[in-house]
Amino acid sequence: MPMRMTLMSSPSMLVTSESVTEGHPDKMCDQIADAVLDDILRHDPSARVACEVATTTGLVVIIGEISTSHHVDYTKIARQTIHEIGYTKPEYGFDTESCGVVVSVKEQ
């Protein structure tokens, strides 16, 4: 990021941040990724985890590079997290039972 110099020749920086509200897809993705990490570390504290989650209406995609001795049921974790968030009915536009879950995870 380019830095600007003020009249006193001291650098200044422009700082920005993003905030999303409850129910935003980014929050759901973060919670699913956290649940995957928590499950893995609970069973394999020395695991290496780089996990990303994306979502759109009716679909969750879990991708990353994960090295662990633990068998991870990604679909179960995603559905359980979605249920805990409260997306439990089709009329909400997203629900735990009918959404698709795509997993593409390889070893680090």
C-alpha atoms as a PDB file:
ATOM      1  CA  MET A   1       0.000   0.000   0.000  1.00  0.00           C
ATOM      2  CA  PRO A   2       1.516   3.376  -0.944  1.00  0.00           C
ATOM      3  CA  MET A   3       2.242   5.667   1.967  1.00  0.00           C
ATOM      4  CA  ARG A   4       1.608   9.385   1.916  1.00  0.00           C
ATOM      5  CA  MET A   5       3.945  11.891   3.473  1.00  0.00           C
ATOM      6  CA  THR A   6       2.500  14.764   5.451  1.00  0.00           C
ATOM      7  CA  LEU A   7       4.053  18.201   5.751  1.00  0.00           C
ATOM      8  CA  MET A   8       6.048  16.936   8.708  1.00  0.00           C
ATOM      9  CA  SER A   9       7.454  14.076   6.596  1.00  0.00           C
ATOM     10  CA  SER A  10       5.899  11.359   8.716  1.00  0.00           C
ATOM     11  CA  PRO A  11       4.181   8.457   6.994  1.00  0.00           C
ATOM     12  CA  SER A  12       0.433   8.021   7.274  1.00  0.00           C
ATOM     13  CA  MET A  13      -1.693   5.041   6.386  1.00  0.00           C
ATOM     14  CA  LEU A  14      -5.312   4.637   5.405  1.00  0.00           C
ATOM     15  CA  VAL A  15      -6.913   1.811   7.388  1.00  0.00           C
ATOM     16  CA  THR A  16     -10.152   0.167   6.273  1.00  0.00           C
ATOM     17  CA  SER A  17     -12.244  -2.665   7.626  1.00  0.00           C
ATOM     18  CA  GLU A  18     -15.263  -4.680   6.596  1.00  0.00           C
ATOM     19  CA  SER A  19     -18.179  -5.579   8.811  1.00  0.00           C
ATOM     20  CA  VAL A  20     -21.114  -7.801   7.932  1.00  0.00           C
ATOM     21  CA  THR A  21     -24.349  -8.363   9.811  1.00  0.00           C
ATOM     22  CA  GLU A  22     -25.740 -11.490  11.426  1.00  0.00           C
ATOM     23  CA  GLY A  23     -26.904 -14.022   8.849  1.00  0.00           C
ATOM     24  CA  HIS A  24     -24.464 -12.811   6.170  1.00  0.00           C
ATOM     25  CA  PRO A  25     -22.939 -15.672   4.131  1.00  0.00           C
ATOM     26  CA  ASP A  26     -19.412 -14.641   5.213  1.00  0.00           C
ATOM     27  CA  LYS A  27     -20.332 -15.325   8.833  1.00  0.00           C
ATOM     28  CA  MET A  28     -21.728 -18.758   7.968  1.00  0.00           C
ATOM     29  CA  CYS A  29     -18.561 -19.591   6.029  1.00  0.00           C
ATOM     30  CA  ASP A  30     -16.375 -18.502   8.947  1.00  0.00           C
ATOM     31  CA  GLN A  31     -18.389 -20.620  11.389  1.00  0.00           C
ATOM     32  CA  ILE A  32     -18.164 -23.715   9.178  1.00  0.00           C
ATOM     33  CA  ALA A  33     -14.397 -23.264   8.721  1.00  0.00           C
ATOM     34  CA  ASP A  34     -14.001 -22.791  12.491  1.00  0.00           C
ATOM     35  CA  ALA A  35     -16.051 -25.943  13.167  1.00  0.00           C
ATOM     36  CA  VAL A  36     -13.864 -27.951  10.759  1.00  0.00           C
ATOM     37  CA  LEU A  37     -10.703 -26.651  12.450  1.00  0.00           C
ATOM     38  CA  ASP A  38     -12.078 -27.318  15.952  1.00  0.00           C
ATOM     39  CA  ASP A  39     -13.043 -30.891  15.023  1.00  0.00           C
ATOM     40  CA  ILE A  40      -9.630 -31.628  13.546  1.00  0.00           C
ATOM     41  CA  LEU A  41      -7.614 -30.106  16.392  1.00  0.00           C
ATOM     42  CA  ARG A  42      -9.760 -31.892  18.994  1.00  0.00           C
ATOM     43  CA  HIS A  43      -8.631 -35.218  17.512  1.00  0.00           C
ATOM     44  CA  ASP A  44      -5.216 -34.320  16.077  1.00  0.00           C
ATOM     45  CA  PRO A  45      -3.469 -31.367  17.759  1.00  0.00           C
ATOM     46  CA  SER A  46      -0.525 -31.573  15.346  1.00  0.00           C
ATOM     47  CA  ALA A  47      -2.680 -31.324  12.200  1.00  0.00           C
ATOM     48  CA  ARG A  48      -1.991 -28.705   9.534  1.00  0.00           C
ATOM     49  CA  VAL A  49      -5.119 -26.955   8.315  1.00  0.00           C
ATOM     50  CA  ALA A  50      -5.735 -24.422   5.542  1.00  0.00           C
ATOM     51  CA  CYS A  51      -9.501 -24.450   5.042  1.00  0.00           C
ATOM     52  CA  GLU A  52     -11.705 -22.047   3.087  1.00  0.00           C
ATOM     53  CA  VAL A  53     -15.482 -22.077   2.779  1.00  0.00           C
ATOM     54  CA  ALA A  54     -17.699 -20.359   0.209  1.00  0.00           C
ATOM     55  CA  THR A  55     -21.465 -20.359  -0.073  1.00  0.00           C
ATOM     56  CA  THR A  56     -24.278 -19.335  -2.346  1.00  0.00           C
ATOM     57  CA  THR A  57     -27.978 -20.103  -2.246  1.00  0.00           C
ATOM     58  CA  GLY A  58     -28.332 -23.806  -1.527  1.00  0.00           C
ATOM     59  CA  LEU A  59     -24.635 -24.658  -1.758  1.00  0.00           C
ATOM     60  CA  VAL A  60     -21.602 -24.805   0.535  1.00  0.00           C
ATOM     61  CA  VAL A  61     -18.112 -25.385  -0.887  1.00  0.00           C
ATOM     62  CA  ILE A  62     -15.275 -26.465   1.411  1.00  0.00           C
ATOM     63  CA  ILE A  63     -11.793 -26.325  -0.086  1.00  0.00           C
ATOM     64  CA  GLY A  64      -8.270 -26.413   1.217  1.00  0.00           C
ATOM     65  CA  GLU A  65      -5.178 -28.329   2.146  1.00  0.00           C
ATOM     66  CA  ILE A  66      -5.388 -30.359   5.339  1.00  0.00           C
ATOM     67  CA  SER A  67      -2.975 -32.886   6.803  1.00  0.00           C
ATOM     68  CA  THR A  68      -4.436 -34.891   9.687  1.00  0.00           C
ATOM     69  CA  SER A  69      -4.672 -38.434  10.975  1.00  0.00           C
ATOM     70  CA  HIS A  70      -8.328 -37.767  11.881  1.00  0.00           C
ATOM     71  CA  HIS A  71     -11.140 -38.726   9.483  1.00  0.00           C
ATOM     72  CA  VAL A  72     -13.147 -35.530   8.944  1.00  0.00           C
ATOM     73  CA  ASP A  73     -16.838 -35.706   8.014  1.00  0.00           C
ATOM     74  CA  TYR A  74     -16.965 -32.300   6.310  1.00  0.00           C
ATOM     75  CA  THR A  75     -20.581 -32.641   5.182  1.00  0.00           C
ATOM     76  CA  LYS A  76     -21.782 -33.520   8.678  1.00  0.00           C
ATOM     77  CA  ILE A  77     -19.862 -30.604  10.203  1.00  0.00           C
ATOM     78  CA  ALA A  78     -21.230 -28.159   7.616  1.00  0.00           C
ATOM     79  CA  ARG A  79     -24.831 -29.320   8.052  1.00  0.00           C
ATOM     80  CA  GLN A  80     -24.586 -29.285  11.854  1.00  0.00           C
ATOM     81  CA  THR A  81     -23.179 -25.747  11.816  1.00  0.00           C
ATOM     82  CA  ILE A  82     -25.881 -24.537   9.413  1.00  0.00           C
ATOM     83  CA  HIS A  83     -28.510 -26.098  11.686  1.00  0.00           C
ATOM     84  CA  GLU A  84     -27.016 -24.398  14.767  1.00  0.00           C
ATOM     85  CA  ILE A  85     -27.097 -21.046  12.951  1.00  0.00           C
ATOM     86  CA  GLY A  86     -30.817 -21.569  12.377  1.00  0.00           C
ATOM     87  CA  TYR A  87     -31.183 -22.246   8.652  1.00  0.00           C
ATOM     88  CA  THR A  88     -33.603 -25.125   9.202  1.00  0.00           C
ATOM     89  CA  LYS A  89     -36.470 -24.441   6.772  1.00  0.00           C
ATOM     90  CA  PRO A  90     -36.509 -24.244   2.953  1.00  0.00           C
ATOM     91  CA  GLU A  91     -38.521 -21.018   3.102  1.00  0.00           C
ATOM     92  CA  TYR A  92     -35.442 -19.326   4.608  1.00  0.00           C
ATOM     93  CA  GLY A  93     -33.769 -19.743   1.217  1.00  0.00           C
ATOM     94  CA  PHE A  94     -31.123 -21.993   2.706  1.00  0.00           C
ATOM     95  CA  ASP A  95     -31.551 -25.026   4.914  1.00  0.00           C
ATOM     96  CA  THR A  96     -29.424 -27.686   6.462  1.00  0.00           C
ATOM     97  CA  GLU A  97     -31.219 -30.663   4.917  1.00  0.00           C
ATOM     98  CA  SER A  98     -31.438 -29.657   1.258  1.00  0.00           C
ATOM     99  CA  CYS A  99     -28.279 -27.620   0.661  1.00  0.00           C
ATOM    100  CA  GLY A 100     -25.499 -29.198  -1.343  1.00  0.00           C
ATOM    101  CA  VAL A 101     -22.058 -29.592   0.212  1.00  0.00           C
ATOM    102  CA  VAL A 102     -19.063 -29.870  -2.120  1.00  0.00           C
ATOM    103  CA  VAL A 103     -15.695 -30.794  -0.624  1.00  0.00           C
ATOM    104  CA  SER A 104     -12.354 -30.480  -2.386  1.00  0.00           C
ATOM    105  CA  VAL A 105      -9.618 -30.955   0.196  1.00  0.00           C
ATOM    106  CA  LYS A 106      -6.165 -32.340  -0.455  1.00  0.00           C
ATOM    107  CA  GLU A 107      -3.245 -33.090   1.832  1.00  0.00           C
ATOM    108  CA  GLN A 108      -0.711 -30.337   2.548  1.00  0.00           C
END
